[in-house]
PDB file of N, CA and C in Angstrom:
ATOM      1  N   MET A   1      19.343  -5.017 -42.441  1.00  0.00           N
ATOM      2  CA  MET A   1      18.356  -6.395 -42.410  1.00  0.00           C
ATOM      3  C   MET A   1      17.720  -5.911 -44.407  1.00  0.00           C
ATOM      4  N   ALA A   2      18.185  -5.500 -44.690  1.00  0.00           N
ATOM      5  CA  ALA A   2      18.879  -5.451 -46.476  1.00  0.00           C
ATOM      6  C   ALA A   2      19.392  -6.494 -47.319  1.00  0.00           C
ATOM      7  N   HIS A   3      19.797  -7.506 -46.229  1.00  0.00           N
ATOM      8  CA  HIS A   3      21.129  -8.492 -46.221  1.00  0.00           C
ATOM      9  C   HIS A   3      19.955  -9.395 -46.008  1.00  0.00           C
ATOM     10  N   VAL A   4      20.138  -9.372 -45.558  1.00  0.00           N
ATOM     11  CA  VAL A   4      19.398 -10.736 -44.971  1.00  0.00           C
ATOM     12  C   VAL A   4      17.752 -11.034 -45.811  1.00  0.00           C
ATOM     13  N   THR A   5      17.462  -9.916 -46.591  1.00  0.00           N
ATOM     14  CA  THR A   5      16.289 -10.322 -46.947  1.00  0.00           C
ATOM     15  C   THR A   5      17.301 -10.463 -48.713  1.00  0.00           C
ATOM     16  N   ARG A   6      18.380  -9.778 -49.432  1.00  0.00           N
ATOM     17  CA  ARG A   6      19.204 -10.500 -50.108  1.00  0.00           C
ATOM     18  C   ARG A   6      19.057 -11.566 -50.334  1.00  0.00           C
ATOM     19  N   ILE A   7      19.584 -11.994 -49.460  1.00  0.00           N
ATOM     20  CA  ILE A   7      20.176 -13.423 -49.164  1.00  0.00           C
ATOM     21  C   ILE A   7      18.788 -14.174 -49.160  1.00  0.00           C
ATOM     22  N   LEU A   8      17.998 -13.656 -48.544  1.00  0.00           N
ATOM     23  CA  LEU A   8      16.776 -15.203 -48.644  1.00  0.00           C
ATOM     24  C   LEU A   8      16.084 -14.734 -49.896  1.00  0.00           C
ATOM     25  N   SER A   9      16.657 -13.624 -50.883  1.00  0.00           N
ATOM     26  CA  SER A   9      15.328 -13.899 -52.626  1.00  0.00           C
ATOM     27  C   SER A   9      16.646 -14.908 -53.431  1.00  0.00           C
ATOM     28  N   GLN A  10      18.216 -14.786 -52.256  1.00  0.00           N
ATOM     29  CA  GLN A  10      19.002 -16.072 -53.857  1.00  0.00           C
ATOM     30  C   GLN A  10      18.960 -17.062 -52.602  1.00  0.00           C
ATOM     31  N   ILE A  11      18.404 -17.852 -51.948  1.00  0.00           N
ATOM     32  CA  ILE A  11      17.578 -18.828 -51.505  1.00  0.00           C
ATOM     33  C   ILE A  11      16.261 -19.183 -52.177  1.00  0.00           C
ATOM     34  N   GLU A  12      15.739 -18.610 -52.164  1.00  0.00           N
ATOM     35  CA  GLU A  12      14.063 -18.293 -53.005  1.00  0.00           C
ATOM     36  C   GLU A  12      14.976 -18.245 -54.853  1.00  0.00           C
ATOM     37  N   ARG A  13      15.939 -18.461 -54.778  1.00  0.00           N
ATOM     38  CA  ARG A  13      16.277 -18.945 -56.133  1.00  0.00           C
ATOM     39  C   ARG A  13      16.769 -19.952 -56.830  1.00  0.00           C
ATOM     40  N   SER A  14      17.420 -20.859 -55.364  1.00  0.00           N
ATOM     41  CA  SER A  14      18.223 -22.087 -55.983  1.00  0.00           C
ATOM     42  C   SER A  14      19.497 -21.631 -55.989  1.00  0.00           C
ATOM     43  N   ASP A  15      19.855 -21.114 -55.147  1.00  0.00           N
ATOM     44  CA  ASP A  15      21.084 -20.675 -54.831  1.00  0.00           C
ATOM     45  C   ASP A  15      21.433 -20.949 -53.454  1.00  0.00           C
ATOM     46  N   LEU A  16      21.326 -21.705 -52.481  1.00  0.00           N
ATOM     47  CA  LEU A  16      21.775 -22.736 -51.739  1.00  0.00           C
ATOM     48  C   LEU A  16      22.861 -22.510 -51.151  1.00  0.00           C
ATOM     49  N   SER A  17      23.600 -22.459 -51.436  1.00  0.00           N
ATOM     50  CA  SER A  17      25.224 -21.583 -50.928  1.00  0.00           C
ATOM     51  C   SER A  17      25.042 -20.444 -50.100  1.00  0.00           C
ATOM     52  N   ALA A  18      23.955 -20.199 -50.736  1.00  0.00           N
ATOM     53  CA  ALA A  18      23.188 -18.200 -49.859  1.00  0.00           C
ATOM     54  C   ALA A  18      23.069 -19.281 -48.606  1.00  0.00           C
ATOM     55  N   ALA A  19      22.606 -20.092 -48.269  1.00  0.00           N
ATOM     56  CA  ALA A  19      21.973 -19.919 -47.077  1.00  0.00           C
ATOM     57  C   ALA A  19      22.990 -20.490 -46.167  1.00  0.00           C
ATOM     58  N   ASP A  20      24.447 -20.356 -46.062  1.00  0.00           N
ATOM     59  CA  ASP A  20      25.477 -20.512 -44.975  1.00  0.00           C
ATOM     60  C   ASP A  20      25.767 -19.053 -44.431  1.00  0.00           C
ATOM     61  N   GLN A  21      25.105 -18.252 -45.586  1.00  0.00           N
ATOM     62  CA  GLN A  21      25.648 -16.595 -45.079  1.00  0.00           C
ATOM     63  C   GLN A  21      23.821 -16.117 -44.693  1.00  0.00           C
ATOM     64  N   LEU A  22      22.477 -16.604 -44.587  1.00  0.00           N
ATOM     65  CA  LEU A  22      22.245 -16.795 -43.439  1.00  0.00           C
ATOM     66  C   LEU A  22      22.044 -17.317 -42.142  1.00  0.00           C
ATOM     67  N   LEU A  23      22.982 -18.055 -42.100  1.00  0.00           N
ATOM     68  CA  LEU A  23      23.078 -18.703 -40.202  1.00  0.00           C
ATOM     69  C   LEU A  23      23.627 -17.521 -39.993  1.00  0.00           C
ATOM     70  N   PRO A  24      24.775 -16.591 -40.170  1.00  0.00           N
ATOM     71  CA  PRO A  24      25.396 -16.085 -38.534  1.00  0.00           C
ATOM     72  C   PRO A  24      24.743 -15.163 -38.792  1.00  0.00           C
ATOM     73  N   PHE A  25      23.036 -14.528 -39.143  1.00  0.00           N
ATOM     74  CA  PHE A  25      22.518 -13.961 -38.804  1.00  0.00           C
ATOM     75  C   PHE A  25      21.089 -14.130 -37.575  1.00  0.00           C
ATOM     76  N   VAL A  26      21.054 -15.279 -38.220  1.00  0.00           N
ATOM     77  CA  VAL A  26      20.072 -16.275 -37.355  1.00  0.00           C
ATOM     78  C   VAL A  26      20.589 -16.817 -36.060  1.00  0.00           C
ATOM     79  N   TYR A  27      21.357 -17.195 -36.637  1.00  0.00           N
ATOM     80  CA  TYR A  27      22.084 -18.350 -34.091  1.00  0.00           C
ATOM     81  C   TYR A  27      22.199 -16.595 -33.775  1.00  0.00           C
ATOM     82  N   ASP A  28      22.801 -14.714 -34.672  1.00  0.00           N
ATOM     83  CA  ASP A  28      23.534 -14.146 -33.475  1.00  0.00           C
ATOM     84  C   ASP A  28      21.610 -13.752 -32.577  1.00  0.00           C
ATOM     85  N   GLU A  29      20.254 -13.636 -33.358  1.00  0.00           N
ATOM     86  CA  GLU A  29      19.490 -12.848 -33.331  1.00  0.00           C
ATOM     87  C   GLU A  29      18.208 -14.780 -32.187  1.00  0.00           C
ATOM     88  N   LEU A  30      18.977 -15.709 -31.977  1.00  0.00           N
ATOM     89  CA  LEU A  30      18.426 -16.183 -31.186  1.00  0.00           C
ATOM     90  C   LEU A  30      19.627 -16.516 -29.860  1.00  0.00           C
ATOM     91  N   ARG A  31      20.934 -16.018 -30.096  1.00  0.00           N
ATOM     92  CA  ARG A  31      21.201 -15.967 -29.187  1.00  0.00           C
ATOM     93  C   ARG A  31      21.321 -14.549 -28.478  1.00  0.00           C
ATOM     94  N   LYS A  32      20.435 -13.670 -28.918  1.00  0.00           N
ATOM     95  CA  LYS A  32      19.344 -11.739 -28.221  1.00  0.00           C
ATOM     96  C   LYS A  32      18.578 -12.519 -27.625  1.00  0.00           C
ATOM     97  N   LEU A  33      18.072 -13.772 -28.638  1.00  0.00           N
ATOM     98  CA  LEU A  33      16.520 -13.851 -27.628  1.00  0.00           C
ATOM     99  C   LEU A  33      16.233 -14.458 -26.888  1.00  0.00           C
ATOM    100  N   ALA A  34      18.010 -15.519 -25.957  1.00  0.00           N
ATOM    101  CA  ALA A  34      18.248 -16.218 -25.543  1.00  0.00           C
ATOM    102  C   ALA A  34      18.380 -15.618 -24.409  1.00  0.00           C
ATOM    103  N   ALA A  35      19.214 -14.253 -24.366  1.00  0.00           N
ATOM    104  CA  ALA A  35      20.408 -13.378 -23.649  1.00  0.00           C
ATOM    105  C   ALA A  35      18.807 -12.951 -23.379  1.00  0.00           C
ATOM    106  N   LEU A  36      17.903 -12.176 -23.212  1.00  0.00           N
ATOM    107  CA  LEU A  36      17.117 -11.791 -22.926  1.00  0.00           C
ATOM    108  C   LEU A  36      16.038 -12.493 -22.069  1.00  0.00           C
ATOM    109  N   ARG A  37      16.009 -13.745 -22.873  1.00  0.00           N
ATOM    110  CA  ARG A  37      14.872 -15.094 -21.767  1.00  0.00           C
ATOM    111  C   ARG A  37      15.484 -15.386 -20.250  1.00  0.00           C
ATOM    112  N   ARG A  38      17.015 -15.239 -20.524  1.00  0.00           N
ATOM    113  CA  ARG A  38      17.902 -15.134 -19.268  1.00  0.00           C
ATOM    114  C   ARG A  38      17.158 -14.049 -18.520  1.00  0.00           C
ATOM    115  N   CYS A  39      17.319 -12.767 -18.627  1.00  0.00           N
ATOM    116  CA  CYS A  39      17.354 -11.732 -17.327  1.00  0.00           C
ATOM    117  C   CYS A  39      16.345 -11.816 -17.480  1.00  0.00           C
ATOM    118  N   GLY A  40      15.440 -12.098 -18.647  1.00  0.00           N
ATOM    119  CA  GLY A  40      13.453 -12.014 -17.835  1.00  0.00           C
ATOM    120  C   GLY A  40      13.234 -12.911 -16.718  1.00  0.00           C
ATOM    121  N   SER A  41      14.035 -14.118 -16.503  1.00  0.00           N
ATOM    122  CA  SER A  41      13.781 -15.438 -15.659  1.00  0.00           C
ATOM    123  C   SER A  41      13.706 -14.863 -14.229  1.00  0.00           C
TER     124      SER A  41
END
C-alpha cells in the first residue's frame, strides 16, 4: 500500500503521469470487489 501512497503524493504534486501508475492498482481492487459480489449473490 505504500506504493499507492507514493503515487497519490506524486499526483498531488501535479505529476499527472503518476495516474497511469495508479490505474492498475485501482483496476485490480475493482476486479476483486466484483468477484466478491458475484460470489455473494
